[in-house]
Amino acid sequence: MNEKMKYVFTVAAISASVALSGCASTGQLDELRSQVNAVRADTDAAKADAAAARAAANEAKDIANRALSTANEANARSIETETKIDRMFKRAMHK
């Protein structure tokens, strides 16, 4: 289990014990709110990182697709040129 999940479970356990004891102080509630806010901030940051990674992956995929297209075009031109040279060579041999 990763550290964030352990932290979330810890916060949940603290929340449950505070709720069950019924005698939480304002300081305890403030600390709990602070911990919950920290977890939310971490979650938001993770979502932003995931979105950025997804965008970078999509850009890389686009670049790779363009490179593949260019390589396919170059290969087709190479085959066409080879065919022309072969025809010219055969014509020259028959003269």
C-alpha atoms as a PDB file:
ATOM      1  CA  MET A   1       0.000   0.000   0.000  1.00  0.00           C
ATOM      2  CA  ASN A   2       1.409   3.354  -0.921  1.00  0.00           C
ATOM      3  CA  GLU A   3       2.070   6.185   1.526  1.00  0.00           C
ATOM      4  CA  LYS A   4      -0.925   8.280   0.467  1.00  0.00           C
ATOM      5  CA  MET A   5      -3.309   5.390   1.046  1.00  0.00           C
ATOM      6  CA  LYS A   6      -1.795   4.741   4.478  1.00  0.00           C
ATOM      7  CA  TYR A   7      -2.248   8.413   5.247  1.00  0.00           C
ATOM      8  CA  VAL A   8      -5.875   8.365   4.114  1.00  0.00           C
ATOM      9  CA  PHE A   9      -6.587   5.330   6.282  1.00  0.00           C
ATOM     10  CA  THR A  10      -4.880   7.008   9.224  1.00  0.00           C
ATOM     11  CA  VAL A  11      -7.007  10.110   8.782  1.00  0.00           C
ATOM     12  CA  ALA A  12     -10.112   7.938   8.512  1.00  0.00           C
ATOM     13  CA  ALA A  13      -9.161   6.059  11.666  1.00  0.00           C
ATOM     14  CA  ILE A  14      -8.584   9.306  13.546  1.00  0.00           C
ATOM     15  CA  SER A  15     -11.914  10.618  12.281  1.00  0.00           C
ATOM     16  CA  ALA A  16     -13.712   7.494  13.387  1.00  0.00           C
ATOM     17  CA  SER A  17     -12.141   7.527  16.842  1.00  0.00           C
ATOM     18  CA  VAL A  18     -12.934  11.210  17.290  1.00  0.00           C
ATOM     19  CA  ALA A  19     -16.516  10.650  16.153  1.00  0.00           C
ATOM     20  CA  LEU A  20     -16.956   7.637  18.407  1.00  0.00           C
ATOM     21  CA  SER A  21     -15.425   9.286  21.447  1.00  0.00           C
ATOM     22  CA  GLY A  22     -17.646  12.324  21.065  1.00  0.00           C
ATOM     23  CA  CYS A  23     -15.219  14.516  22.917  1.00  0.00           C
ATOM     24  CA  ALA A  24     -13.066  16.052  20.257  1.00  0.00           C
ATOM     25  CA  SER A  25     -11.504  19.364  21.000  1.00  0.00           C
ATOM     26  CA  THR A  26     -11.427  22.227  18.529  1.00  0.00           C
ATOM     27  CA  GLY A  27      -7.683  21.663  18.174  1.00  0.00           C
ATOM     28  CA  GLN A  28      -8.231  18.024  17.235  1.00  0.00           C
ATOM     29  CA  LEU A  29     -10.862  18.957  14.674  1.00  0.00           C
ATOM     30  CA  ASP A  30      -8.607  21.643  13.212  1.00  0.00           C
ATOM     31  CA  GLU A  31      -5.759  19.131  12.950  1.00  0.00           C
ATOM     32  CA  LEU A  32      -8.062  16.640  11.260  1.00  0.00           C
ATOM     33  CA  ARG A  33      -9.262  19.305   8.797  1.00  0.00           C
ATOM     34  CA  SER A  34      -5.656  20.183   8.066  1.00  0.00           C
ATOM     35  CA  GLN A  35      -4.819  16.545   7.362  1.00  0.00           C
ATOM     36  CA  VAL A  36      -7.859  16.112   5.135  1.00  0.00           C
ATOM     37  CA  ASN A  37      -6.953  19.281   3.217  1.00  0.00           C
ATOM     38  CA  ALA A  38      -3.408  18.006   2.752  1.00  0.00           C
ATOM     39  CA  VAL A  39      -4.714  14.724   1.337  1.00  0.00           C
ATOM     40  CA  ARG A  40      -7.021  16.638  -1.010  1.00  0.00           C
ATOM     41  CA  ALA A  41      -4.120  18.798  -2.169  1.00  0.00           C
ATOM     42  CA  ASP A  42      -2.021  15.683  -2.828  1.00  0.00           C
ATOM     43  CA  THR A  43      -4.902  14.134  -4.755  1.00  0.00           C
ATOM     44  CA  ASP A  44      -5.372  17.271  -6.843  1.00  0.00           C
ATOM     45  CA  ALA A  45      -1.650  17.375  -7.576  1.00  0.00           C
ATOM     46  CA  ALA A  46      -1.703  13.709  -8.612  1.00  0.00           C
ATOM     47  CA  LYS A  47      -4.644  14.372 -10.940  1.00  0.00           C
ATOM     48  CA  ALA A  48      -2.809  17.327 -12.490  1.00  0.00           C
ATOM     49  CA  ASP A  49       0.323  15.216 -12.953  1.00  0.00           C
ATOM     50  CA  ALA A  50      -1.732  12.455 -14.586  1.00  0.00           C
ATOM     51  CA  ALA A  51      -3.374  14.943 -16.949  1.00  0.00           C
ATOM     52  CA  ALA A  52       0.024  16.379 -17.898  1.00  0.00           C
ATOM     53  CA  ALA A  53       1.422  12.885 -18.477  1.00  0.00           C
ATOM     54  CA  ARG A  54      -1.591  11.999 -20.629  1.00  0.00           C
ATOM     55  CA  ALA A  55      -1.092  15.163 -22.715  1.00  0.00           C
ATOM     56  CA  ALA A  56       2.617  14.426 -23.147  1.00  0.00           C
ATOM     57  CA  ALA A  57       1.859  10.841 -24.158  1.00  0.00           C
ATOM     58  CA  ASN A  58      -0.688  12.012 -26.714  1.00  0.00           C
ATOM     59  CA  GLU A  59       1.827  14.484 -28.145  1.00  0.00           C
ATOM     60  CA  ALA A  60       4.493  11.771 -28.338  1.00  0.00           C
ATOM     61  CA  LYS A  61       2.017   9.458 -30.071  1.00  0.00           C
ATOM     62  CA  ASP A  62       1.218  12.181 -32.606  1.00  0.00           C
ATOM     63  CA  ILE A  63       4.917  12.769 -33.294  1.00  0.00           C
ATOM     64  CA  ALA A  64       5.497   9.027 -33.687  1.00  0.00           C
ATOM     65  CA  ASN A  65       2.587   8.734 -36.111  1.00  0.00           C
ATOM     66  CA  ARG A  66       3.950  11.610 -38.206  1.00  0.00           C
ATOM     67  CA  ALA A  67       7.408  10.011 -38.200  1.00  0.00           C
ATOM     68  CA  LEU A  68       5.913   6.692 -39.322  1.00  0.00           C
ATOM     69  CA  SER A  69       4.020   8.443 -42.112  1.00  0.00           C
ATOM     70  CA  THR A  70       7.192  10.196 -43.268  1.00  0.00           C
ATOM     71  CA  ALA A  71       9.120   6.920 -43.178  1.00  0.00           C
ATOM     72  CA  ASN A  72       6.408   5.180 -45.203  1.00  0.00           C
ATOM     73  CA  GLU A  73       6.492   7.980 -47.785  1.00  0.00           C
ATOM     74  CA  ALA A  74      10.280   7.748 -47.998  1.00  0.00           C
ATOM     75  CA  ASN A  75      10.070   3.987 -48.434  1.00  0.00           C
ATOM     76  CA  ALA A  76       7.506   4.342 -51.221  1.00  0.00           C
ATOM     77  CA  ARG A  77       9.724   6.896 -53.007  1.00  0.00           C
ATOM     78  CA  SER A  78      12.714   4.618 -52.608  1.00  0.00           C
ATOM     79  CA  ILE A  79      10.840   1.709 -54.170  1.00  0.00           C
ATOM     80  CA  GLU A  80       9.635   3.973 -56.995  1.00  0.00           C
ATOM     81  CA  THR A  81      13.177   5.226 -57.639  1.00  0.00           C
ATOM     82  CA  GLU A  82      14.560   1.684 -57.557  1.00  0.00           C
ATOM     83  CA  THR A  83      11.942   0.608 -60.096  1.00  0.00           C
ATOM     84  CA  LYS A  84      12.813   3.514 -62.418  1.00  0.00           C
ATOM     85  CA  ILE A  85      16.529   2.780 -62.183  1.00  0.00           C
ATOM     86  CA  ASP A  86      15.890  -0.895 -62.880  1.00  0.00           C
ATOM     87  CA  ARG A  87      13.835  -0.020 -66.002  1.00  0.00           C
ATOM     88  CA  MET A  88      16.522   2.368 -67.209  1.00  0.00           C
ATOM     89  CA  PHE A  89      19.197  -0.276 -66.674  1.00  0.00           C
ATOM     90  CA  LYS A  90      17.198  -2.870 -68.627  1.00  0.00           C
ATOM     91  CA  ARG A  91      16.632  -0.401 -71.486  1.00  0.00           C
ATOM     92  CA  ALA A  92      20.346   0.384 -71.575  1.00  0.00           C
ATOM     93  CA  MET A  93      21.184  -3.331 -71.697  1.00  0.00           C
ATOM     94  CA  HIS A  94      18.916  -3.894 -74.708  1.00  0.00           C
ATOM     95  CA  LYS A  95      20.454  -1.168 -76.841  1.00  0.00           C
END
